[in-house]
N, C-alpha and C. Protein backbone atom coordinates (compact mmCIF):
# COMPACT_ATOMS: atom_id res chain seq x y z
N MET A 1 0.85 -1.19 0.00
CA MET A 1 0.00 0.00 0.00
C MET A 1 0.88 1.24 0.00
N LYS A 2 0.55 2.19 -0.91
CA LYS A 2 1.40 3.35 -1.09
C LYS A 2 1.43 4.24 0.14
N ALA A 3 0.29 4.35 0.83
CA ALA A 3 0.24 5.19 2.02
C ALA A 3 1.19 4.68 3.10
N VAL A 4 1.25 3.38 3.28
CA VAL A 4 2.15 2.79 4.28
C VAL A 4 3.60 3.06 3.92
N ALA A 5 3.94 2.93 2.64
CA ALA A 5 5.32 3.16 2.21
C ALA A 5 5.74 4.61 2.43
N MET A 6 4.88 5.55 2.06
CA MET A 6 5.22 6.96 2.22
C MET A 6 5.30 7.35 3.68
N LEU A 7 4.38 6.84 4.49
CA LEU A 7 4.43 7.14 5.92
C LEU A 7 5.69 6.57 6.57
N SER A 8 6.12 5.40 6.13
CA SER A 8 7.33 4.80 6.68
C SER A 8 8.56 5.64 6.35
N VAL A 9 8.63 6.12 5.13
CA VAL A 9 9.78 6.95 4.72
C VAL A 9 9.78 8.27 5.48
N TRP A 10 8.64 8.95 5.51
CA TRP A 10 8.58 10.25 6.16
C TRP A 10 8.77 10.14 7.67
N SER A 11 8.17 9.14 8.29
CA SER A 11 8.26 9.01 9.74
C SER A 11 9.68 8.70 10.19
N SER A 12 10.39 7.85 9.45
CA SER A 12 11.78 7.56 9.81
C SER A 12 12.65 8.80 9.69
N THR A 13 12.43 9.59 8.64
CA THR A 13 13.17 10.85 8.49
C THR A 13 12.88 11.81 9.62
N LEU A 14 11.62 11.92 9.98
CA LEU A 14 11.23 12.82 11.06
C LEU A 14 11.80 12.38 12.41
N MET A 15 11.82 11.09 12.65
CA MET A 15 12.37 10.61 13.92
C MET A 15 13.86 10.92 14.03
N ILE A 16 14.57 10.85 12.91
CA ILE A 16 16.00 11.20 12.93
C ILE A 16 16.18 12.69 13.19
N LEU A 17 15.38 13.52 12.51
CA LEU A 17 15.52 14.96 12.66
C LEU A 17 15.06 15.45 14.02
N SER A 18 14.11 14.76 14.64
CA SER A 18 13.54 15.21 15.91
C SER A 18 14.35 14.80 17.12
N GLY A 19 15.35 13.95 16.94
CA GLY A 19 16.20 13.58 18.05
C GLY A 19 15.58 12.53 18.96
N LYS A 20 15.84 12.63 20.25
CA LYS A 20 15.39 11.62 21.20
C LYS A 20 13.87 11.53 21.31
N GLN A 21 13.19 12.64 21.15
CA GLN A 21 11.74 12.63 21.32
C GLN A 21 11.01 12.16 20.07
N GLY A 22 11.72 12.00 18.95
CA GLY A 22 11.09 11.61 17.70
C GLY A 22 10.30 10.31 17.77
N PRO A 23 10.90 9.20 18.28
CA PRO A 23 10.13 7.95 18.36
C PRO A 23 8.89 8.04 19.24
N TRP A 24 8.97 8.81 20.32
CA TRP A 24 7.81 8.93 21.21
C TRP A 24 6.68 9.72 20.55
N ILE A 25 7.03 10.75 19.82
CA ILE A 25 6.00 11.53 19.11
C ILE A 25 5.39 10.68 18.00
N ALA A 26 6.23 9.90 17.31
CA ALA A 26 5.70 9.02 16.27
C ALA A 26 4.76 7.98 16.87
N LEU A 27 5.13 7.44 18.03
CA LEU A 27 4.25 6.48 18.70
C LEU A 27 2.93 7.13 19.11
N ALA A 28 3.01 8.35 19.63
CA ALA A 28 1.78 9.06 20.01
C ALA A 28 0.88 9.32 18.81
N SER A 29 1.48 9.66 17.67
CA SER A 29 0.68 9.90 16.46
C SER A 29 0.03 8.62 15.96
N VAL A 30 0.75 7.50 16.04
CA VAL A 30 0.19 6.22 15.61
C VAL A 30 -0.97 5.80 16.51
N VAL A 31 -0.76 5.92 17.82
CA VAL A 31 -1.81 5.55 18.77
C VAL A 31 -3.02 6.46 18.61
N GLY A 32 -2.79 7.76 18.48
CA GLY A 32 -3.89 8.69 18.29
C GLY A 32 -4.66 8.42 17.01
N GLY A 33 -3.94 8.17 15.93
CA GLY A 33 -4.61 7.86 14.66
C GLY A 33 -5.41 6.57 14.73
N TRP A 34 -4.86 5.55 15.40
CA TRP A 34 -5.58 4.28 15.53
C TRP A 34 -6.85 4.45 16.37
N LEU A 35 -6.76 5.24 17.45
CA LEU A 35 -7.93 5.45 18.29
C LEU A 35 -9.03 6.20 17.52
N ILE A 36 -8.64 7.19 16.74
CA ILE A 36 -9.64 7.93 15.96
C ILE A 36 -10.30 7.00 14.95
N SER A 37 -9.50 6.18 14.27
CA SER A 37 -10.06 5.24 13.30
C SER A 37 -10.96 4.22 13.97
N ARG A 38 -10.55 3.75 15.14
CA ARG A 38 -11.35 2.77 15.87
C ARG A 38 -12.68 3.37 16.32
N LEU A 39 -12.64 4.58 16.84
CA LEU A 39 -13.87 5.24 17.26
C LEU A 39 -14.80 5.49 16.08
N LYS A 40 -14.22 5.82 14.94
CA LYS A 40 -15.04 6.02 13.75
C LYS A 40 -15.72 4.73 13.34
N GLY A 41 -14.99 3.61 13.44
CA GLY A 41 -15.57 2.32 13.10
C GLY A 41 -16.70 1.93 14.05
N LEU A 42 -16.50 2.17 15.35
CA LEU A 42 -17.56 1.86 16.31
C LEU A 42 -18.79 2.73 16.10
N GLU A 43 -18.56 4.01 15.80
CA GLU A 43 -19.69 4.90 15.54
C GLU A 43 -20.47 4.47 14.30
N GLN A 44 -19.75 4.02 13.28
CA GLN A 44 -20.41 3.57 12.06
C GLN A 44 -21.21 2.29 12.31
N ASP A 45 -20.66 1.39 13.10
CA ASP A 45 -21.39 0.16 13.42
C ASP A 45 -22.66 0.45 14.21
N ASN A 46 -22.60 1.42 15.12
CA ASN A 46 -23.78 1.75 15.92
C ASN A 46 -24.88 2.39 15.08
N LYS A 47 -24.48 3.09 14.02
CA LYS A 47 -25.47 3.75 13.18
C LYS A 47 -25.92 2.88 12.02
N ASN A 48 -25.37 1.66 11.95
CA ASN A 48 -25.79 0.68 10.94
C ASN A 48 -25.63 1.19 9.51
N ALA A 49 -24.58 1.98 9.28
CA ALA A 49 -24.21 2.44 7.94
C ALA A 49 -25.34 3.22 7.25
N THR A 50 -26.20 3.87 8.02
CA THR A 50 -27.28 4.65 7.43
C THR A 50 -26.95 6.14 7.36
N THR A 51 -25.80 6.52 7.88
CA THR A 51 -25.42 7.92 7.90
C THR A 51 -24.71 8.28 6.62
N GLY A 52 -24.89 9.53 6.16
CA GLY A 52 -24.22 10.01 4.98
C GLY A 52 -22.72 10.18 5.21
N LEU A 53 -22.00 10.36 4.11
CA LEU A 53 -20.54 10.46 4.20
C LEU A 53 -20.11 11.69 4.98
N LEU A 54 -20.79 12.81 4.78
CA LEU A 54 -20.40 14.04 5.46
C LEU A 54 -20.55 13.90 6.97
N ALA A 55 -21.67 13.35 7.41
CA ALA A 55 -21.88 13.17 8.84
C ALA A 55 -20.97 12.09 9.41
N LEU A 56 -20.62 11.11 8.60
CA LEU A 56 -19.79 10.00 9.07
C LEU A 56 -18.35 10.42 9.30
N TYR A 57 -17.80 11.24 8.39
CA TYR A 57 -16.38 11.55 8.44
C TYR A 57 -16.07 12.93 9.01
N SER A 58 -17.06 13.77 9.23
CA SER A 58 -16.77 15.11 9.73
C SER A 58 -16.14 15.08 11.12
N SER A 59 -16.67 14.22 12.00
CA SER A 59 -16.13 14.14 13.35
C SER A 59 -14.71 13.55 13.39
N PRO A 60 -14.43 12.39 12.77
CA PRO A 60 -13.06 11.88 12.83
C PRO A 60 -12.04 12.75 12.13
N VAL A 61 -12.43 13.41 11.04
CA VAL A 61 -11.47 14.29 10.36
C VAL A 61 -11.16 15.51 11.22
N THR A 62 -12.17 16.03 11.92
CA THR A 62 -11.93 17.13 12.85
C THR A 62 -11.02 16.70 13.98
N GLN A 63 -11.25 15.51 14.52
CA GLN A 63 -10.36 14.99 15.56
C GLN A 63 -8.94 14.79 15.02
N TRP A 64 -8.84 14.35 13.78
CA TRP A 64 -7.53 14.16 13.14
C TRP A 64 -6.79 15.50 13.05
N SER A 65 -7.52 16.56 12.69
CA SER A 65 -6.93 17.89 12.59
C SER A 65 -6.47 18.40 13.96
N LEU A 66 -7.28 18.16 14.98
CA LEU A 66 -6.89 18.56 16.34
C LEU A 66 -5.68 17.79 16.82
N LEU A 67 -5.61 16.50 16.48
CA LEU A 67 -4.43 15.71 16.83
C LEU A 67 -3.17 16.28 16.17
N ALA A 68 -3.30 16.71 14.92
CA ALA A 68 -2.16 17.30 14.23
C ALA A 68 -1.68 18.57 14.92
N SER A 69 -2.63 19.40 15.36
CA SER A 69 -2.27 20.62 16.09
C SER A 69 -1.58 20.31 17.41
N CYS A 70 -2.07 19.28 18.11
CA CYS A 70 -1.45 18.89 19.37
C CYS A 70 -0.03 18.37 19.16
N LEU A 71 0.19 17.63 18.07
CA LEU A 71 1.52 17.10 17.79
C LEU A 71 2.52 18.21 17.51
N PHE A 72 2.05 19.32 16.95
CA PHE A 72 2.96 20.45 16.70
C PHE A 72 3.54 20.97 18.00
N PHE A 73 2.70 21.11 19.03
CA PHE A 73 3.19 21.63 20.31
C PHE A 73 3.84 20.54 21.14
N CYS A 74 3.39 19.30 21.00
CA CYS A 74 4.02 18.20 21.74
C CYS A 74 5.46 17.96 21.28
N SER A 75 5.75 18.29 20.04
CA SER A 75 7.11 18.11 19.52
C SER A 75 8.04 19.23 19.94
N GLY A 76 7.57 20.14 20.78
CA GLY A 76 8.43 21.20 21.31
C GLY A 76 8.44 22.47 20.49
N HIS A 77 7.55 22.60 19.51
CA HIS A 77 7.49 23.81 18.70
C HIS A 77 6.43 24.77 19.25
N TRP A 78 6.55 26.00 18.89
CA TRP A 78 5.52 26.99 19.16
C TRP A 78 5.54 28.02 18.04
N CYS A 79 4.46 28.80 17.99
CA CYS A 79 4.28 29.72 16.86
C CYS A 79 5.10 30.98 17.06
N ALA A 80 6.40 30.84 16.95
CA ALA A 80 7.33 31.96 17.03
C ALA A 80 8.61 31.54 16.32
N PHE A 81 9.33 32.52 15.81
CA PHE A 81 10.54 32.20 15.05
C PHE A 81 11.63 31.62 15.95
N ASP A 82 11.61 31.97 17.23
CA ASP A 82 12.60 31.39 18.13
C ASP A 82 12.22 29.98 18.55
N GLY A 83 11.07 29.49 18.09
CA GLY A 83 10.68 28.11 18.37
C GLY A 83 11.20 27.13 17.34
N LEU A 84 11.88 27.62 16.32
CA LEU A 84 12.45 26.73 15.31
C LEU A 84 13.67 26.01 15.87
N ARG A 85 13.80 24.75 15.53
CA ARG A 85 14.95 23.95 15.98
C ARG A 85 16.01 23.96 14.89
N TYR A 86 16.88 24.94 14.97
CA TYR A 86 17.86 25.13 13.91
C TYR A 86 18.88 24.00 13.85
N ALA A 87 19.05 23.26 14.95
CA ALA A 87 20.00 22.15 14.94
C ALA A 87 19.57 21.05 13.98
N ALA A 88 18.27 20.92 13.73
CA ALA A 88 17.79 19.89 12.81
C ALA A 88 18.26 20.15 11.38
N ALA A 89 18.53 21.40 11.05
CA ALA A 89 18.98 21.73 9.70
C ALA A 89 20.40 21.24 9.43
N PHE A 90 21.16 20.93 10.46
CA PHE A 90 22.55 20.53 10.29
C PHE A 90 22.74 19.02 10.44
N VAL A 91 21.65 18.26 10.50
CA VAL A 91 21.77 16.81 10.56
C VAL A 91 22.26 16.29 9.21
N GLY A 92 23.43 15.68 9.21
CA GLY A 92 24.00 15.15 7.98
C GLY A 92 24.83 16.14 7.21
N PHE A 93 25.01 17.36 7.72
CA PHE A 93 25.78 18.38 7.02
C PHE A 93 26.86 18.93 7.94
N ASP A 94 28.05 19.09 7.40
CA ASP A 94 29.14 19.72 8.14
C ASP A 94 29.27 21.20 7.81
N GLU A 95 28.78 21.59 6.64
CA GLU A 95 28.86 22.98 6.22
C GLU A 95 27.46 23.50 5.92
N PHE A 96 27.35 24.81 5.89
CA PHE A 96 26.06 25.45 5.67
C PHE A 96 25.72 25.46 4.19
N THR A 97 24.59 24.82 3.85
CA THR A 97 24.05 24.84 2.49
C THR A 97 22.58 25.20 2.62
N ILE A 98 22.19 26.34 2.13
CA ILE A 98 20.91 26.94 2.51
C ILE A 98 19.71 26.13 2.05
N ILE A 99 19.69 25.65 0.82
CA ILE A 99 18.48 25.00 0.31
C ILE A 99 18.22 23.65 0.98
N PRO A 100 19.19 22.72 0.99
CA PRO A 100 18.91 21.44 1.68
C PRO A 100 18.61 21.61 3.16
N GLN A 101 19.30 22.53 3.82
CA GLN A 101 19.08 22.70 5.25
C GLN A 101 17.75 23.40 5.53
N ALA A 102 17.32 24.28 4.64
CA ALA A 102 15.99 24.87 4.79
C ALA A 102 14.90 23.81 4.63
N ILE A 103 15.12 22.87 3.71
CA ILE A 103 14.16 21.78 3.53
C ILE A 103 14.10 20.90 4.78
N LEU A 104 15.26 20.58 5.34
CA LEU A 104 15.29 19.76 6.56
C LEU A 104 14.60 20.47 7.72
N LEU A 105 14.84 21.77 7.85
CA LEU A 105 14.21 22.52 8.93
C LEU A 105 12.69 22.57 8.76
N THR A 106 12.24 22.72 7.53
CA THR A 106 10.80 22.73 7.26
C THR A 106 10.17 21.38 7.58
N ILE A 107 10.84 20.30 7.18
CA ILE A 107 10.33 18.96 7.45
C ILE A 107 10.25 18.70 8.95
N GLU A 108 11.28 19.11 9.68
CA GLU A 108 11.29 18.87 11.12
C GLU A 108 10.22 19.70 11.83
N THR A 109 9.98 20.91 11.32
CA THR A 109 9.02 21.80 11.98
C THR A 109 7.58 21.37 11.73
N TYR A 110 7.27 21.03 10.48
CA TYR A 110 5.88 20.76 10.11
C TYR A 110 5.62 19.29 9.78
N GLY A 111 6.56 18.42 10.06
CA GLY A 111 6.39 17.02 9.69
C GLY A 111 5.27 16.33 10.45
N PHE A 112 5.32 16.42 11.79
CA PHE A 112 4.31 15.72 12.60
C PHE A 112 2.97 16.44 12.59
N SER A 113 2.93 17.71 12.29
CA SER A 113 1.69 18.47 12.38
C SER A 113 1.00 18.68 11.04
N HIS A 114 1.71 18.58 9.93
CA HIS A 114 1.10 18.82 8.63
C HIS A 114 1.35 17.68 7.63
N ILE A 115 2.59 17.26 7.51
CA ILE A 115 2.93 16.29 6.46
C ILE A 115 2.36 14.92 6.78
N LEU A 116 2.71 14.36 7.95
CA LEU A 116 2.22 13.03 8.30
C LEU A 116 0.70 12.95 8.45
N PRO A 117 0.04 13.93 9.08
CA PRO A 117 -1.43 13.84 9.14
C PRO A 117 -2.10 13.83 7.76
N THR A 118 -1.56 14.60 6.82
CA THR A 118 -2.14 14.60 5.48
C THR A 118 -1.91 13.26 4.78
N LEU A 119 -0.72 12.71 4.94
CA LEU A 119 -0.43 11.42 4.32
C LEU A 119 -1.20 10.28 4.99
N GLY A 120 -1.57 10.46 6.26
CA GLY A 120 -2.25 9.40 6.99
C GLY A 120 -3.76 9.41 6.89
N LEU A 121 -4.32 10.43 6.25
CA LEU A 121 -5.78 10.49 6.11
C LEU A 121 -6.40 9.27 5.43
N PRO A 122 -5.75 8.65 4.43
CA PRO A 122 -6.36 7.46 3.81
C PRO A 122 -6.68 6.34 4.78
N PHE A 123 -6.02 6.29 5.95
CA PHE A 123 -6.29 5.21 6.89
C PHE A 123 -7.67 5.34 7.52
N LEU A 124 -8.22 6.56 7.54
CA LEU A 124 -9.59 6.71 8.03
C LEU A 124 -10.58 5.97 7.14
N VAL A 125 -10.26 5.88 5.87
CA VAL A 125 -11.12 5.16 4.93
C VAL A 125 -10.71 3.71 4.82
N ALA A 126 -9.41 3.45 4.75
CA ALA A 126 -8.93 2.08 4.54
C ALA A 126 -9.21 1.19 5.73
N TYR A 127 -9.38 1.78 6.92
CA TYR A 127 -9.66 0.99 8.12
C TYR A 127 -10.96 0.21 7.99
N LYS A 128 -11.86 0.74 7.19
CA LYS A 128 -13.17 0.11 7.05
C LYS A 128 -13.12 -1.13 6.18
N TYR A 129 -12.19 -1.16 5.23
CA TYR A 129 -12.20 -2.21 4.22
C TYR A 129 -11.15 -3.25 4.54
N SER A 130 -11.50 -4.49 4.30
CA SER A 130 -10.57 -5.59 4.46
C SER A 130 -9.94 -5.91 3.11
N SER A 131 -8.97 -6.79 3.12
CA SER A 131 -8.24 -7.10 1.89
C SER A 131 -9.07 -7.83 0.85
N ASN A 132 -10.17 -8.46 1.24
CA ASN A 132 -10.98 -9.20 0.29
C ASN A 132 -12.14 -8.38 -0.27
N GLU A 133 -12.09 -7.07 -0.09
CA GLU A 133 -13.15 -6.22 -0.59
C GLU A 133 -12.62 -5.29 -1.67
N ALA A 134 -11.86 -5.84 -2.58
CA ALA A 134 -11.26 -5.02 -3.63
C ALA A 134 -12.29 -4.45 -4.58
N ASN A 135 -13.47 -5.07 -4.65
CA ASN A 135 -14.51 -4.57 -5.55
C ASN A 135 -15.11 -3.25 -5.06
N GLN A 136 -14.80 -2.84 -3.85
CA GLN A 136 -15.32 -1.59 -3.33
C GLN A 136 -14.32 -0.45 -3.46
N THR A 137 -13.36 -0.59 -4.36
CA THR A 137 -12.32 0.42 -4.52
C THR A 137 -12.91 1.76 -4.93
N ARG A 138 -13.86 1.73 -5.86
CA ARG A 138 -14.46 2.98 -6.31
C ARG A 138 -15.15 3.71 -5.17
N GLN A 139 -15.88 2.99 -4.35
CA GLN A 139 -16.55 3.62 -3.22
C GLN A 139 -15.54 4.18 -2.22
N SER A 140 -14.45 3.45 -2.00
CA SER A 140 -13.44 3.93 -1.07
C SER A 140 -12.75 5.19 -1.59
N LEU A 141 -12.55 5.29 -2.91
CA LEU A 141 -11.95 6.49 -3.47
C LEU A 141 -12.87 7.70 -3.33
N ILE A 142 -14.16 7.48 -3.49
CA ILE A 142 -15.13 8.56 -3.28
C ILE A 142 -15.09 9.04 -1.84
N GLN A 143 -15.03 8.10 -0.91
CA GLN A 143 -14.97 8.47 0.50
C GLN A 143 -13.66 9.18 0.83
N LEU A 144 -12.57 8.73 0.22
CA LEU A 144 -11.28 9.39 0.45
C LEU A 144 -11.31 10.82 -0.07
N PHE A 145 -11.93 11.02 -1.23
CA PHE A 145 -12.09 12.36 -1.77
C PHE A 145 -12.89 13.23 -0.80
N GLN A 146 -13.94 12.66 -0.22
CA GLN A 146 -14.76 13.39 0.75
C GLN A 146 -13.94 13.74 1.99
N VAL A 147 -13.11 12.83 2.44
CA VAL A 147 -12.29 13.08 3.63
C VAL A 147 -11.33 14.23 3.38
N TYR A 148 -10.69 14.25 2.22
CA TYR A 148 -9.76 15.33 1.92
C TYR A 148 -10.47 16.67 1.75
N LEU A 149 -11.68 16.66 1.25
CA LEU A 149 -12.44 17.89 1.15
C LEU A 149 -12.76 18.45 2.54
N ILE A 150 -13.17 17.57 3.45
CA ILE A 150 -13.46 18.01 4.81
C ILE A 150 -12.21 18.55 5.48
N TYR A 151 -11.10 17.85 5.31
CA TYR A 151 -9.84 18.31 5.91
C TYR A 151 -9.40 19.65 5.31
N GLY A 152 -9.56 19.79 4.01
CA GLY A 152 -9.24 21.07 3.38
C GLY A 152 -10.13 22.19 3.86
N LEU A 153 -11.41 21.91 4.11
CA LEU A 153 -12.32 22.91 4.64
C LEU A 153 -11.90 23.35 6.04
N ILE A 154 -11.49 22.39 6.87
CA ILE A 154 -11.03 22.73 8.22
C ILE A 154 -9.80 23.63 8.15
N MET A 155 -8.86 23.29 7.28
CA MET A 155 -7.66 24.11 7.12
C MET A 155 -8.01 25.50 6.59
N ALA A 156 -8.96 25.57 5.67
CA ALA A 156 -9.36 26.87 5.11
C ALA A 156 -10.01 27.75 6.16
N VAL A 157 -10.87 27.16 7.00
CA VAL A 157 -11.51 27.92 8.08
C VAL A 157 -10.47 28.43 9.07
N THR A 158 -9.52 27.57 9.43
CA THR A 158 -8.45 27.98 10.35
C THR A 158 -7.62 29.12 9.76
N THR A 159 -7.29 29.01 8.47
CA THR A 159 -6.52 30.07 7.82
C THR A 159 -7.31 31.36 7.78
N THR A 160 -8.60 31.29 7.52
CA THR A 160 -9.44 32.49 7.46
C THR A 160 -9.45 33.23 8.80
N PHE A 161 -9.65 32.49 9.88
CA PHE A 161 -9.67 33.12 11.20
C PHE A 161 -8.29 33.68 11.57
N THR A 162 -7.23 33.01 11.13
CA THR A 162 -5.89 33.53 11.39
C THR A 162 -5.65 34.83 10.64
N VAL A 163 -6.10 34.91 9.39
CA VAL A 163 -5.97 36.14 8.61
C VAL A 163 -6.74 37.27 9.27
N LEU A 164 -7.96 36.99 9.72
CA LEU A 164 -8.75 38.01 10.40
C LEU A 164 -8.06 38.49 11.68
N CYS A 165 -7.46 37.56 12.40
CA CYS A 165 -6.75 37.93 13.63
C CYS A 165 -5.55 38.81 13.32
N VAL A 166 -4.81 38.47 12.27
CA VAL A 166 -3.65 39.28 11.88
C VAL A 166 -4.08 40.67 11.43
N ILE A 167 -5.20 40.76 10.69
CA ILE A 167 -5.70 42.06 10.25
C ILE A 167 -6.10 42.93 11.44
N ILE A 168 -6.78 42.33 12.40
CA ILE A 168 -7.22 43.09 13.58
C ILE A 168 -6.02 43.55 14.41
N GLN A 169 -5.01 42.68 14.53
CA GLN A 169 -3.86 42.97 15.38
C GLN A 169 -2.67 43.49 14.59
N ARG A 170 -2.90 44.05 13.43
CA ARG A 170 -1.78 44.46 12.56
C ARG A 170 -0.94 45.58 13.17
N ARG A 171 -1.48 46.35 14.07
CA ARG A 171 -0.73 47.43 14.71
C ARG A 171 -0.26 47.05 16.12
N HIS A 172 -0.41 45.79 16.44
CA HIS A 172 0.01 45.32 17.76
C HIS A 172 1.53 45.34 17.86
N LEU A 173 2.02 45.56 19.07
CA LEU A 173 3.46 45.64 19.28
C LEU A 173 4.16 44.33 18.93
N MET A 174 3.50 43.20 19.19
CA MET A 174 4.11 41.89 18.97
C MET A 174 3.61 41.22 17.69
N VAL A 175 3.22 42.01 16.70
CA VAL A 175 2.66 41.42 15.49
C VAL A 175 3.68 40.55 14.77
N TRP A 176 4.94 40.96 14.75
CA TRP A 176 5.97 40.17 14.06
C TRP A 176 6.51 39.06 14.94
N GLY A 177 6.31 39.17 16.23
CA GLY A 177 6.81 38.13 17.13
C GLY A 177 5.83 37.01 17.38
N LEU A 178 4.50 37.30 17.29
CA LEU A 178 3.48 36.30 17.60
C LEU A 178 2.55 36.02 16.44
N PHE A 179 1.92 37.07 15.91
CA PHE A 179 0.86 36.87 14.93
C PHE A 179 1.41 36.48 13.56
N ALA A 180 2.53 37.08 13.15
CA ALA A 180 3.11 36.75 11.85
C ALA A 180 3.59 35.30 11.79
N PRO A 181 4.30 34.77 12.80
CA PRO A 181 4.67 33.34 12.74
C PRO A 181 3.47 32.41 12.72
N LYS A 182 2.43 32.73 13.48
CA LYS A 182 1.23 31.90 13.46
C LYS A 182 0.57 31.94 12.08
N PHE A 183 0.54 33.10 11.48
CA PHE A 183 -0.02 33.23 10.14
C PHE A 183 0.79 32.41 9.14
N PHE A 184 2.11 32.46 9.24
CA PHE A 184 2.96 31.70 8.32
C PHE A 184 2.76 30.20 8.51
N SER A 185 2.67 29.76 9.77
CA SER A 185 2.48 28.34 10.04
C SER A 185 1.15 27.84 9.49
N THR A 186 0.09 28.60 9.73
CA THR A 186 -1.24 28.20 9.22
C THR A 186 -1.28 28.22 7.71
N LEU A 187 -0.66 29.24 7.11
CA LEU A 187 -0.64 29.35 5.65
C LEU A 187 0.13 28.19 5.03
N PHE A 188 1.24 27.79 5.67
CA PHE A 188 2.00 26.65 5.15
C PHE A 188 1.16 25.39 5.16
N GLY A 189 0.44 25.15 6.27
CA GLY A 189 -0.40 23.97 6.34
C GLY A 189 -1.49 23.97 5.29
N HIS A 190 -2.10 25.13 5.06
CA HIS A 190 -3.16 25.22 4.06
C HIS A 190 -2.61 25.00 2.66
N ARG A 191 -1.47 25.60 2.36
CA ARG A 191 -0.88 25.45 1.02
C ARG A 191 -0.43 24.02 0.79
N TRP A 192 0.15 23.39 1.81
CA TRP A 192 0.55 21.99 1.67
C TRP A 192 -0.65 21.11 1.39
N ASP A 193 -1.75 21.36 2.07
CA ASP A 193 -2.95 20.56 1.86
C ASP A 193 -3.50 20.76 0.45
N VAL A 194 -3.52 22.00 -0.03
CA VAL A 194 -4.03 22.28 -1.38
C VAL A 194 -3.15 21.64 -2.44
N ILE A 195 -1.84 21.80 -2.31
CA ILE A 195 -0.92 21.23 -3.30
C ILE A 195 -1.01 19.72 -3.31
N TYR A 196 -1.06 19.12 -2.12
CA TYR A 196 -1.13 17.66 -2.04
C TYR A 196 -2.41 17.13 -2.64
N GLN A 197 -3.53 17.79 -2.37
CA GLN A 197 -4.80 17.34 -2.91
C GLN A 197 -4.85 17.48 -4.42
N SER A 198 -4.23 18.52 -4.96
CA SER A 198 -4.31 18.75 -6.40
C SER A 198 -3.37 17.87 -7.19
N ARG A 199 -2.39 17.23 -6.53
CA ARG A 199 -1.38 16.48 -7.28
C ARG A 199 -1.40 14.99 -7.04
N GLY A 200 -1.65 14.55 -5.83
CA GLY A 200 -1.47 13.12 -5.66
C GLY A 200 -2.45 12.41 -4.83
N ARG A 201 -3.53 12.91 -4.61
CA ARG A 201 -4.47 12.45 -3.65
C ARG A 201 -4.84 11.01 -3.80
N PRO A 202 -5.92 10.60 -4.26
CA PRO A 202 -6.39 9.33 -3.84
C PRO A 202 -5.98 8.14 -4.63
N SER A 203 -4.84 8.09 -5.19
CA SER A 203 -4.36 6.82 -5.72
C SER A 203 -3.77 5.99 -4.61
N TYR A 204 -3.94 6.47 -3.35
CA TYR A 204 -3.31 5.85 -2.22
C TYR A 204 -3.80 4.46 -1.88
N LEU A 205 -5.06 4.23 -2.06
CA LEU A 205 -5.61 2.97 -1.58
C LEU A 205 -5.32 1.82 -2.51
N SER A 206 -4.60 2.07 -3.58
CA SER A 206 -4.24 0.99 -4.50
C SER A 206 -3.01 0.26 -4.01
């Protein structure tokens, strides 16, 4: 499964860049994702599959988004430029090279909160299907498309409120120290979600 392969590659890279706390954060993300998927399955069983897709996936996708936000702060980051872990940019490098090290710093900063949650969304759909239900691939792709739309809507709403907050506080003394980094972080998550959805989305369940 492509989703498993990509998550394995990204998670191992993130654990190396995150240092000692990397494996624990990865474990917390796996446990949290499994619990959300399990709760979604129990809720679906209780409703006897009579609920529409929007009502079925809106709650677990929202929980998935909240888990991603929690992982950002659990990994020791905060919405300020001094919260960046610049040491992660020098993993594997003896000299300063701006482009590769900027990429490493971005991956370490937003890996657990944006990259892995987006790549892991297919598991909310794949958890429902067993290996002998290959004939339901079309239905699963439709549900996966619905899940990404809900996740994109959540990111868009978050970005909208952040923009409004920055506009209101544009003359605040700490606008560049607090509001601007939060705006950049939210905007990065929204742009990553849009780019990912437009380029590689649901061929994952194959």
